[in-house]
Amino acid sequence: MANNIHSREIIETGRKLGQILSDSTAREAFVADPAASLPEAGLSSDLIVYADTADTVHLVVPASIDATRLSKGDDAYLEELGRQALGACLYEDLPK
């Protein structure tokens, strides 16, 4: 997915994924065969999908790091990096 996707497209993708993932039957089908569902959400069918469960969470490793912003301790960048890597790993209520 390109870095220059517009906010509206991201929101629409989130809406479509939310609809798929909020329905237990659709979620199971999505996890079993993501290539069939990804195009419905406007995403490439060649993405690899990892589904978090109560027992397993996945840490996202970014493709690149801005070493300059990292070395300067740029709080905004560090927050962005943390959200990207840990966003799905921190649960107040564990998924079923």
PDB file of N, CA and C in Angstrom:
ATOM      1  N   MET A   1       0.860  -1.163   0.000  1.00  0.00           N
ATOM      2  CA  MET A   1       0.000   0.000   0.000  1.00  0.00           C
ATOM      3  C   MET A   1       0.907   1.226   0.000  1.00  0.00           C
ATOM      4  N   ALA A   2       0.698   2.159  -0.872  1.00  0.00           N
ATOM      5  CA  ALA A   2       1.529   3.342  -1.002  1.00  0.00           C
ATOM      6  C   ALA A   2       1.359   4.270   0.192  1.00  0.00           C
ATOM      7  N   ASN A   3       2.441   5.003   0.505  1.00  0.00           N
ATOM      8  CA  ASN A   3       2.407   5.928   1.637  1.00  0.00           C
ATOM      9  C   ASN A   3       1.547   7.149   1.379  1.00  0.00           C
ATOM     10  N   ASN A   4       1.209   7.435   0.134  1.00  0.00           N
ATOM     11  CA  ASN A   4       0.480   8.657  -0.188  1.00  0.00           C
ATOM     12  C   ASN A   4      -1.023   8.450  -0.327  1.00  0.00           C
ATOM     13  N   ILE A   5      -1.548   7.431   0.299  1.00  0.00           N
ATOM     14  CA  ILE A   5      -2.991   7.210   0.261  1.00  0.00           C
ATOM     15  C   ILE A   5      -3.658   8.333   1.035  1.00  0.00           C
ATOM     16  N   HIS A   6      -4.694   8.878   0.468  1.00  0.00           N
ATOM     17  CA  HIS A   6      -5.379   9.996   1.095  1.00  0.00           C
ATOM     18  C   HIS A   6      -6.195   9.545   2.295  1.00  0.00           C
ATOM     19  N   SER A   7      -6.386  10.454   3.237  1.00  0.00           N
ATOM     20  CA  SER A   7      -7.112  10.167   4.465  1.00  0.00           C
ATOM     21  C   SER A   7      -8.481   9.560   4.190  1.00  0.00           C
ATOM     22  N   ARG A   8      -9.194  10.067   3.194  1.00  0.00           N
ATOM     23  CA  ARG A   8     -10.527   9.543   2.871  1.00  0.00           C
ATOM     24  C   ARG A   8     -10.439   8.076   2.476  1.00  0.00           C
ATOM     25  N   GLU A   9      -9.418   7.713   1.721  1.00  0.00           N
ATOM     26  CA  GLU A   9      -9.244   6.317   1.311  1.00  0.00           C
ATOM     27  C   GLU A   9      -8.932   5.433   2.516  1.00  0.00           C
ATOM     28  N   ILE A  10      -8.134   5.953   3.449  1.00  0.00           N
ATOM     29  CA  ILE A  10      -7.801   5.190   4.647  1.00  0.00           C
ATOM     30  C   ILE A  10      -9.059   4.970   5.480  1.00  0.00           C
ATOM     31  N   ILE A  11      -9.863   5.998   5.625  1.00  0.00           N
ATOM     32  CA  ILE A  11     -11.113   5.881   6.372  1.00  0.00           C
ATOM     33  C   ILE A  11     -12.038   4.871   5.710  1.00  0.00           C
ATOM     34  N   GLU A  12     -12.149   4.928   4.401  1.00  0.00           N
ATOM     35  CA  GLU A  12     -13.016   3.984   3.677  1.00  0.00           C
ATOM     36  C   GLU A  12     -12.496   2.554   3.826  1.00  0.00           C
ATOM     37  N   THR A  13     -11.192   2.373   3.751  1.00  0.00           N
ATOM     38  CA  THR A  13     -10.608   1.046   3.944  1.00  0.00           C
ATOM     39  C   THR A  13     -10.902   0.549   5.354  1.00  0.00           C
ATOM     40  N   GLY A  14     -10.730   1.432   6.350  1.00  0.00           N
ATOM     41  CA  GLY A  14     -11.032   1.066   7.732  1.00  0.00           C
ATOM     42  C   GLY A  14     -12.487   0.688   7.912  1.00  0.00           C
ATOM     43  N   ARG A  15     -13.386   1.427   7.249  1.00  0.00           N
ATOM     44  CA  ARG A  15     -14.816   1.125   7.335  1.00  0.00           C
ATOM     45  C   ARG A  15     -15.105  -0.257   6.767  1.00  0.00           C
ATOM     46  N   LYS A  16     -14.551  -0.544   5.595  1.00  0.00           N
ATOM     47  CA  LYS A  16     -14.794  -1.840   4.958  1.00  0.00           C
ATOM     48  C   LYS A  16     -14.205  -2.984   5.777  1.00  0.00           C
ATOM     49  N   LEU A  17     -12.976  -2.804   6.278  1.00  0.00           N
ATOM     50  CA  LEU A  17     -12.373  -3.844   7.106  1.00  0.00           C
ATOM     51  C   LEU A  17     -13.154  -4.027   8.401  1.00  0.00           C
ATOM     52  N   GLY A  18     -13.604  -2.921   8.983  1.00  0.00           N
ATOM     53  CA  GLY A  18     -14.403  -2.987  10.204  1.00  0.00           C
ATOM     54  C   GLY A  18     -15.668  -3.795  10.007  1.00  0.00           C
ATOM     55  N   GLN A  19     -16.312  -3.609   8.863  1.00  0.00           N
ATOM     56  CA  GLN A  19     -17.530  -4.371   8.566  1.00  0.00           C
ATOM     57  C   GLN A  19     -17.219  -5.860   8.454  1.00  0.00           C
ATOM     58  N   ILE A  20     -16.126  -6.182   7.802  1.00  0.00           N
ATOM     59  CA  ILE A  20     -15.744  -7.588   7.646  1.00  0.00           C
ATOM     60  C   ILE A  20     -15.393  -8.193   9.004  1.00  0.00           C
ATOM     61  N   LEU A  21     -14.592  -7.494   9.787  1.00  0.00           N
ATOM     62  CA  LEU A  21     -14.066  -8.059  11.025  1.00  0.00           C
ATOM     63  C   LEU A  21     -15.056  -8.057  12.181  1.00  0.00           C
ATOM     64  N   SER A  22     -16.091  -7.228  12.086  1.00  0.00           N
ATOM     65  CA  SER A  22     -17.059  -7.173  13.178  1.00  0.00           C
ATOM     66  C   SER A  22     -18.092  -8.291  13.111  1.00  0.00           C
ATOM     67  N   ASP A  23     -18.188  -8.951  11.987  1.00  0.00           N
ATOM     68  CA  ASP A  23     -19.099 -10.073  11.819  1.00  0.00           C
ATOM     69  C   ASP A  23     -18.277 -11.357  11.954  1.00  0.00           C
ATOM     70  N   SER A  24     -18.591 -12.192  12.944  1.00  0.00           N
ATOM     71  CA  SER A  24     -17.755 -13.365  13.230  1.00  0.00           C
ATOM     72  C   SER A  24     -17.630 -14.309  12.034  1.00  0.00           C
ATOM     73  N   THR A  25     -18.694 -14.493  11.285  1.00  0.00           N
ATOM     74  CA  THR A  25     -18.637 -15.377  10.116  1.00  0.00           C
ATOM     75  C   THR A  25     -17.751 -14.776   9.032  1.00  0.00           C
ATOM     76  N   ALA A  26     -17.924 -13.484   8.772  1.00  0.00           N
ATOM     77  CA  ALA A  26     -17.106 -12.808   7.767  1.00  0.00           C
ATOM     78  C   ALA A  26     -15.637 -12.768   8.196  1.00  0.00           C
ATOM     79  N   ARG A  27     -15.389 -12.567   9.508  1.00  0.00           N
ATOM     80  CA  ARG A  27     -14.014 -12.555  10.014  1.00  0.00           C
ATOM     81  C   ARG A  27     -13.342 -13.907   9.791  1.00  0.00           C
ATOM     82  N   GLU A  28     -14.052 -14.999  10.109  1.00  0.00           N
ATOM     83  CA  GLU A  28     -13.490 -16.337   9.906  1.00  0.00           C
ATOM     84  C   GLU A  28     -13.172 -16.580   8.437  1.00  0.00           C
ATOM     85  N   ALA A  29     -14.076 -16.166   7.552  1.00  0.00           N
ATOM     86  CA  ALA A  29     -13.845 -16.327   6.110  1.00  0.00           C
ATOM     87  C   ALA A  29     -12.657 -15.478   5.660  1.00  0.00           C
ATOM     88  N   PHE A  30     -12.554 -14.270   6.210  1.00  0.00           N
ATOM     89  CA  PHE A  30     -11.453 -13.369   5.871  1.00  0.00           C
ATOM     90  C   PHE A  30     -10.116 -13.957   6.293  1.00  0.00           C
ATOM     91  N   VAL A  31     -10.049 -14.489   7.505  1.00  0.00           N
ATOM     92  CA  VAL A  31      -8.803 -15.071   8.001  1.00  0.00           C
ATOM     93  C   VAL A  31      -8.446 -16.336   7.211  1.00  0.00           C
ATOM     94  N   ALA A  32      -9.454 -17.129   6.868  1.00  0.00           N
ATOM     95  CA  ALA A  32      -9.220 -18.370   6.121  1.00  0.00           C
ATOM     96  C   ALA A  32      -8.772 -18.096   4.688  1.00  0.00           C
ATOM     97  N   ASP A  33      -9.331 -17.061   4.066  1.00  0.00           N
ATOM     98  CA  ASP A  33      -9.008 -16.755   2.667  1.00  0.00           C
ATOM     99  C   ASP A  33      -8.994 -15.240   2.459  1.00  0.00           C
ATOM    100  N   PRO A  34      -7.957 -14.567   2.969  1.00  0.00           N
ATOM    101  CA  PRO A  34      -7.932 -13.109   2.863  1.00  0.00           C
ATOM    102  C   PRO A  34      -7.902 -12.603   1.421  1.00  0.00           C
ATOM    103  N   ALA A  35      -7.325 -13.360   0.517  1.00  0.00           N
ATOM    104  CA  ALA A  35      -7.239 -12.908  -0.874  1.00  0.00           C
ATOM    105  C   ALA A  35      -8.612 -12.669  -1.482  1.00  0.00           C
ATOM    106  N   ALA A  36      -9.615 -13.399  -0.999  1.00  0.00           N
ATOM    107  CA  ALA A  36     -10.972 -13.219  -1.519  1.00  0.00           C
ATOM    108  C   ALA A  36     -11.622 -11.957  -0.967  1.00  0.00           C
ATOM    109  N   SER A  37     -11.248 -11.546   0.252  1.00  0.00           N
ATOM    110  CA  SER A  37     -11.886 -10.398   0.899  1.00  0.00           C
ATOM    111  C   SER A  37     -11.122  -9.093   0.759  1.00  0.00           C
ATOM    112  N   LEU A  38      -9.813  -9.158   0.598  1.00  0.00           N
ATOM    113  CA  LEU A  38      -9.014  -7.932   0.534  1.00  0.00           C
ATOM    114  C   LEU A  38      -9.449  -6.987  -0.580  1.00  0.00           C
ATOM    115  N   PRO A  39      -9.731  -7.490  -1.789  1.00  0.00           N
ATOM    116  CA  PRO A  39     -10.176  -6.567  -2.839  1.00  0.00           C
ATOM    117  C   PRO A  39     -11.479  -5.842  -2.490  1.00  0.00           C
ATOM    118  N   GLU A  40     -12.356  -6.485  -1.716  1.00  0.00           N
ATOM    119  CA  GLU A  40     -13.595  -5.833  -1.286  1.00  0.00           C
ATOM    120  C   GLU A  40     -13.304  -4.609  -0.424  1.00  0.00           C
ATOM    121  N   ALA A  41     -12.175  -4.648   0.291  1.00  0.00           N
ATOM    122  CA  ALA A  41     -11.779  -3.531   1.143  1.00  0.00           C
ATOM    123  C   ALA A  41     -10.867  -2.563   0.395  1.00  0.00           C
ATOM    124  N   GLY A  42     -10.666  -2.804  -0.893  1.00  0.00           N
ATOM    125  CA  GLY A  42      -9.831  -1.913  -1.682  1.00  0.00           C
ATOM    126  C   GLY A  42      -8.343  -2.156  -1.497  1.00  0.00           C
ATOM    127  N   LEU A  43      -7.986  -3.346  -1.021  1.00  0.00           N
ATOM    128  CA  LEU A  43      -6.589  -3.679  -0.782  1.00  0.00           C
ATOM    129  C   LEU A  43      -6.126  -4.761  -1.749  1.00  0.00           C
ATOM    130  N   SER A  44      -4.830  -4.810  -1.958  1.00  0.00           N
ATOM    131  CA  SER A  44      -4.245  -5.802  -2.837  1.00  0.00           C
ATOM    132  C   SER A  44      -4.444  -7.192  -2.270  1.00  0.00           C
ATOM    133  N   SER A  45      -4.771  -8.135  -3.126  1.00  0.00           N
ATOM    134  CA  SER A  45      -5.013  -9.509  -2.667  1.00  0.00           C
ATOM    135  C   SER A  45      -3.719 -10.246  -2.340  1.00  0.00           C
ATOM    136  N   ASP A  46      -2.553  -9.636  -2.593  1.00  0.00           N
ATOM    137  CA  ASP A  46      -1.301 -10.324  -2.294  1.00  0.00           C
ATOM    138  C   ASP A  46      -0.710  -9.936  -0.935  1.00  0.00           C
ATOM    139  N   LEU A  47      -1.482  -9.234  -0.096  1.00  0.00           N
ATOM    140  CA  LEU A  47      -1.028  -8.910   1.251  1.00  0.00           C
ATOM    141  C   LEU A  47      -1.080 -10.160   2.121  1.00  0.00           C
ATOM    142  N   ILE A  48      -0.206 -10.217   3.101  1.00  0.00           N
ATOM    143  CA  ILE A  48      -0.228 -11.308   4.058  1.00  0.00           C
ATOM    144  C   ILE A  48      -1.016 -10.826   5.276  1.00  0.00           C
ATOM    145  N   VAL A  49      -1.962 -11.617   5.728  1.00  0.00           N
ATOM    146  CA  VAL A  49      -2.823 -11.237   6.842  1.00  0.00           C
ATOM    147  C   VAL A  49      -2.511 -12.137   8.030  1.00  0.00           C
ATOM    148  N   TYR A  50      -2.275 -11.506   9.179  1.00  0.00           N
ATOM    149  CA  TYR A  50      -2.090 -12.202  10.437  1.00  0.00           C
ATOM    150  C   TYR A  50      -3.209 -11.763  11.361  1.00  0.00           C
ATOM    151  N   ALA A  51      -3.927 -12.691  11.923  1.00  0.00           N
ATOM    152  CA  ALA A  51      -5.056 -12.358  12.787  1.00  0.00           C
ATOM    153  C   ALA A  51      -4.659 -12.508  14.248  1.00  0.00           C
ATOM    154  N   ASP A  52      -4.818 -11.434  15.028  1.00  0.00           N
ATOM    155  CA  ASP A  52      -4.580 -11.501  16.462  1.00  0.00           C
ATOM    156  C   ASP A  52      -5.696 -12.292  17.129  1.00  0.00           C
ATOM    157  N   THR A  53      -5.332 -12.982  18.189  1.00  0.00           N
ATOM    158  CA  THR A  53      -6.301 -13.677  19.028  1.00  0.00           C
ATOM    159  C   THR A  53      -5.983 -13.316  20.479  1.00  0.00           C
ATOM    160  N   ALA A  54      -6.735 -13.843  21.410  1.00  0.00           N
ATOM    161  CA  ALA A  54      -6.452 -13.591  22.824  1.00  0.00           C
ATOM    162  C   ALA A  54      -5.089 -14.166  23.218  1.00  0.00           C
ATOM    163  N   ASP A  55      -4.631 -15.210  22.519  1.00  0.00           N
ATOM    164  CA  ASP A  55      -3.365 -15.863  22.834  1.00  0.00           C
ATOM    165  C   ASP A  55      -2.183 -15.354  22.015  1.00  0.00           C
ATOM    166  N   THR A  56      -2.447 -14.751  20.881  1.00  0.00           N
ATOM    167  CA  THR A  56      -1.382 -14.358  19.965  1.00  0.00           C
ATOM    168  C   THR A  56      -1.629 -12.954  19.430  1.00  0.00           C
ATOM    169  N   VAL A  57      -0.616 -12.115  19.550  1.00  0.00           N
ATOM    170  CA  VAL A  57      -0.667 -10.797  18.925  1.00  0.00           C
ATOM    171  C   VAL A  57       0.575 -10.647  18.063  1.00  0.00           C
ATOM    172  N   HIS A  58       0.480  -9.823  17.045  1.00  0.00           N
ATOM    173  CA  HIS A  58       1.564  -9.641  16.092  1.00  0.00           C
ATOM    174  C   HIS A  58       2.120  -8.234  16.199  1.00  0.00           C
ATOM    175  N   LEU A  59       3.425  -8.120  16.238  1.00  0.00           N
ATOM    176  CA  LEU A  59       4.116  -6.841  16.264  1.00  0.00           C
ATOM    177  C   LEU A  59       4.478  -6.476  14.834  1.00  0.00           C
ATOM    178  N   VAL A  60       4.138  -5.270  14.419  1.00  0.00           N
ATOM    179  CA  VAL A  60       4.437  -4.823  13.060  1.00  0.00           C
ATOM    180  C   VAL A  60       5.817  -4.168  13.049  1.00  0.00           C
ATOM    181  N   VAL A  61       6.703  -4.667  12.202  1.00  0.00           N
ATOM    182  CA  VAL A  61       8.029  -4.095  12.048  1.00  0.00           C
ATOM    183  C   VAL A  61       8.000  -3.196  10.816  1.00  0.00           C
ATOM    184  N   PRO A  62       8.185  -1.884  11.012  1.00  0.00           N
ATOM    185  CA  PRO A  62       8.131  -0.961   9.864  1.00  0.00           C
ATOM    186  C   PRO A  62       9.219  -1.271   8.839  1.00  0.00           C
ATOM    187  N   ALA A  63       8.924  -0.982   7.589  1.00  0.00           N
ATOM    188  CA  ALA A  63       9.878  -1.236   6.508  1.00  0.00           C
ATOM    189  C   ALA A  63      11.105  -0.345   6.621  1.00  0.00           C
ATOM    190  N   SER A  64      10.935   0.861   7.143  1.00  0.00           N
ATOM    191  CA  SER A  64      12.075   1.768   7.294  1.00  0.00           C
ATOM    192  C   SER A  64      11.868   2.647   8.522  1.00  0.00           C
ATOM    193  N   ILE A  65      12.962   3.156   9.027  1.00  0.00           N
ATOM    194  CA  ILE A  65      12.970   4.025  10.200  1.00  0.00           C
ATOM    195  C   ILE A  65      13.667   5.325   9.816  1.00  0.00           C
ATOM    196  N   ASP A  66      13.132   6.449  10.277  1.00  0.00           N
ATOM    197  CA  ASP A  66      13.775   7.746  10.074  1.00  0.00           C
ATOM    198  C   ASP A  66      14.818   7.919  11.172  1.00  0.00           C
ATOM    199  N   ALA A  67      16.065   7.569  10.874  1.00  0.00           N
ATOM    200  CA  ALA A  67      17.141   7.579  11.864  1.00  0.00           C
ATOM    201  C   ALA A  67      17.383   8.968  12.450  1.00  0.00           C
ATOM    202  N   THR A  68      17.212   9.999  11.658  1.00  0.00           N
ATOM    203  CA  THR A  68      17.413  11.366  12.142  1.00  0.00           C
ATOM    204  C   THR A  68      16.393  11.712  13.210  1.00  0.00           C
ATOM    205  N   ARG A  69      15.127  11.455  12.914  1.00  0.00           N
ATOM    206  CA  ARG A  69      14.072  11.748  13.893  1.00  0.00           C
ATOM    207  C   ARG A  69      14.215  10.863  15.122  1.00  0.00           C
ATOM    208  N   LEU A  70      14.642   9.633  14.936  1.00  0.00           N
ATOM    209  CA  LEU A  70      14.853   8.723  16.050  1.00  0.00           C
ATOM    210  C   LEU A  70      15.976   9.229  16.959  1.00  0.00           C
ATOM    211  N   SER A  71      17.110   9.606  16.364  1.00  0.00           N
ATOM    212  CA  SER A  71      18.256  10.058  17.159  1.00  0.00           C
ATOM    213  C   SER A  71      17.981  11.375  17.880  1.00  0.00           C
ATOM    214  N   LYS A  72      17.077  12.193  17.338  1.00  0.00           N
ATOM    215  CA  LYS A  72      16.717  13.459  17.982  1.00  0.00           C
ATOM    216  C   LYS A  72      15.668  13.267  19.069  1.00  0.00           C
ATOM    217  N   GLY A  73      15.136  12.047  19.176  1.00  0.00           N
ATOM    218  CA  GLY A  73      14.107  11.791  20.178  1.00  0.00           C
ATOM    219  C   GLY A  73      12.820  12.531  19.880  1.00  0.00           C
ATOM    220  N   ASP A  74      12.495  12.656  18.611  1.00  0.00           N
ATOM    221  CA  ASP A  74      11.282  13.358  18.160  1.00  0.00           C
ATOM    222  C   ASP A  74      10.054  12.638  18.714  1.00  0.00           C
ATOM    223  N   ASP A  75       9.424  13.242  19.736  1.00  0.00           N
ATOM    224  CA  ASP A  75       8.290  12.595  20.400  1.00  0.00           C
ATOM    225  C   ASP A  75       7.156  12.242  19.448  1.00  0.00           C
ATOM    226  N   ALA A  76       6.842  13.138  18.512  1.00  0.00           N
ATOM    227  CA  ALA A  76       5.755  12.867  17.566  1.00  0.00           C
ATOM    228  C   ALA A  76       6.090  11.639  16.712  1.00  0.00           C
ATOM    229  N   TYR A  77       7.342  11.535  16.283  1.00  0.00           N
ATOM    230  CA  TYR A  77       7.756  10.398  15.470  1.00  0.00           C
ATOM    231  C   TYR A  77       7.748   9.111  16.299  1.00  0.00           C
ATOM    232  N   LEU A  78       8.248   9.198  17.537  1.00  0.00           N
ATOM    233  CA  LEU A  78       8.273   8.018  18.396  1.00  0.00           C
ATOM    234  C   LEU A  78       6.861   7.528  18.694  1.00  0.00           C
ATOM    235  N   GLU A  79       5.931   8.461  18.880  1.00  0.00           N
ATOM    236  CA  GLU A  79       4.533   8.074  19.095  1.00  0.00           C
ATOM    237  C   GLU A  79       3.973   7.397  17.850  1.00  0.00           C
ATOM    238  N   GLU A  80       4.255   7.964  16.687  1.00  0.00           N
ATOM    239  CA  GLU A  80       3.794   7.370  15.425  1.00  0.00           C
ATOM    240  C   GLU A  80       4.366   5.965  15.261  1.00  0.00           C
ATOM    241  N   LEU A  81       5.651   5.818  15.538  1.00  0.00           N
ATOM    242  CA  LEU A  81       6.316   4.520  15.413  1.00  0.00           C
ATOM    243  C   LEU A  81       5.710   3.506  16.380  1.00  0.00           C
ATOM    244  N   GLY A  82       5.465   3.936  17.610  1.00  0.00           N
ATOM    245  CA  GLY A  82       4.851   3.055  18.594  1.00  0.00           C
ATOM    246  C   GLY A  82       3.455   2.640  18.202  1.00  0.00           C
ATOM    247  N   ARG A  83       2.685   3.584  17.671  1.00  0.00           N
ATOM    248  CA  ARG A  83       1.320   3.249  17.238  1.00  0.00           C
ATOM    249  C   ARG A  83       1.344   2.248  16.086  1.00  0.00           C
ATOM    250  N   GLN A  84       2.265   2.460  15.146  1.00  0.00           N
ATOM    251  CA  GLN A  84       2.348   1.539  14.014  1.00  0.00           C
ATOM    252  C   GLN A  84       2.739   0.141  14.474  1.00  0.00           C
ATOM    253  N   ALA A  85       3.687   0.052  15.372  1.00  0.00           N
ATOM    254  CA  ALA A  85       4.206  -1.253  15.795  1.00  0.00           C
ATOM    255  C   ALA A  85       3.321  -1.935  16.824  1.00  0.00           C
ATOM    256  N   LEU A  86       2.769  -1.160  17.748  1.00  0.00           N
ATOM    257  CA  LEU A  86       2.079  -1.761  18.882  1.00  0.00           C
ATOM    258  C   LEU A  86       0.575  -1.563  18.885  1.00  0.00           C
ATOM    259  N   GLY A  87       0.049  -0.834  17.928  1.00  0.00           N
ATOM    260  CA  GLY A  87      -1.361  -0.489  17.938  1.00  0.00           C
ATOM    261  C   GLY A  87      -2.289  -1.644  18.169  1.00  0.00           C
ATOM    262  N   ALA A  88      -2.060  -2.756  17.522  1.00  0.00           N
ATOM    263  CA  ALA A  88      -2.944  -3.908  17.650  1.00  0.00           C
ATOM    264  C   ALA A  88      -2.517  -4.843  18.762  1.00  0.00           C
ATOM    265  N   CYS A  89      -1.397  -4.561  19.414  1.00  0.00           N
ATOM    266  CA  CYS A  89      -0.880  -5.467  20.443  1.00  0.00           C
ATOM    267  C   CYS A  89      -1.341  -5.103  21.838  1.00  0.00           C
ATOM    268  N   LEU A  90      -1.935  -3.951  21.994  1.00  0.00           N
ATOM    269  CA  LEU A  90      -2.334  -3.488  23.315  1.00  0.00           C
ATOM    270  C   LEU A  90      -3.845  -3.518  23.434  1.00  0.00           C
ATOM    271  N   TYR A  91      -4.350  -4.383  24.280  1.00  0.00           N
ATOM    272  CA  TYR A  91      -5.785  -4.531  24.428  1.00  0.00           C
ATOM    273  C   TYR A  91      -6.220  -4.178  25.841  1.00  0.00           C
ATOM    274  N   GLU A  92      -7.260  -3.377  25.954  1.00  0.00           N
ATOM    275  CA  GLU A  92      -7.884  -3.185  27.254  1.00  0.00           C
ATOM    276  C   GLU A  92      -8.850  -4.352  27.475  1.00  0.00           C
ATOM    277  N   ASP A  93      -9.538  -4.746  26.435  1.00  0.00           N
ATOM    278  CA  ASP A  93     -10.425  -5.916  26.451  1.00  0.00           C
ATOM    279  C   ASP A  93      -9.879  -6.889  25.423  1.00  0.00           C
ATOM    280  N   LEU A  94      -9.501  -8.075  25.856  1.00  0.00           N
ATOM    281  CA  LEU A  94      -8.932  -9.046  24.934  1.00  0.00           C
ATOM    282  C   LEU A  94      -9.963  -9.492  23.911  1.00  0.00           C
ATOM    283  N   PRO A  95      -9.529  -9.683  22.646  1.00  0.00           N
ATOM    284  CA  PRO A  95     -10.459 -10.201  21.632  1.00  0.00           C
ATOM    285  C   PRO A  95     -10.794 -11.650  21.940  1.00  0.00           C
ATOM    286  N   LYS A  96     -11.918 -12.084  21.408  1.00  0.00           N
ATOM    287  CA  LYS A  96     -12.359 -13.467  21.624  1.00  0.00           C
ATOM    288  C   LYS A  96     -11.690 -14.394  20.648  1.00  0.00           C
TER     289      LYS A  96
END
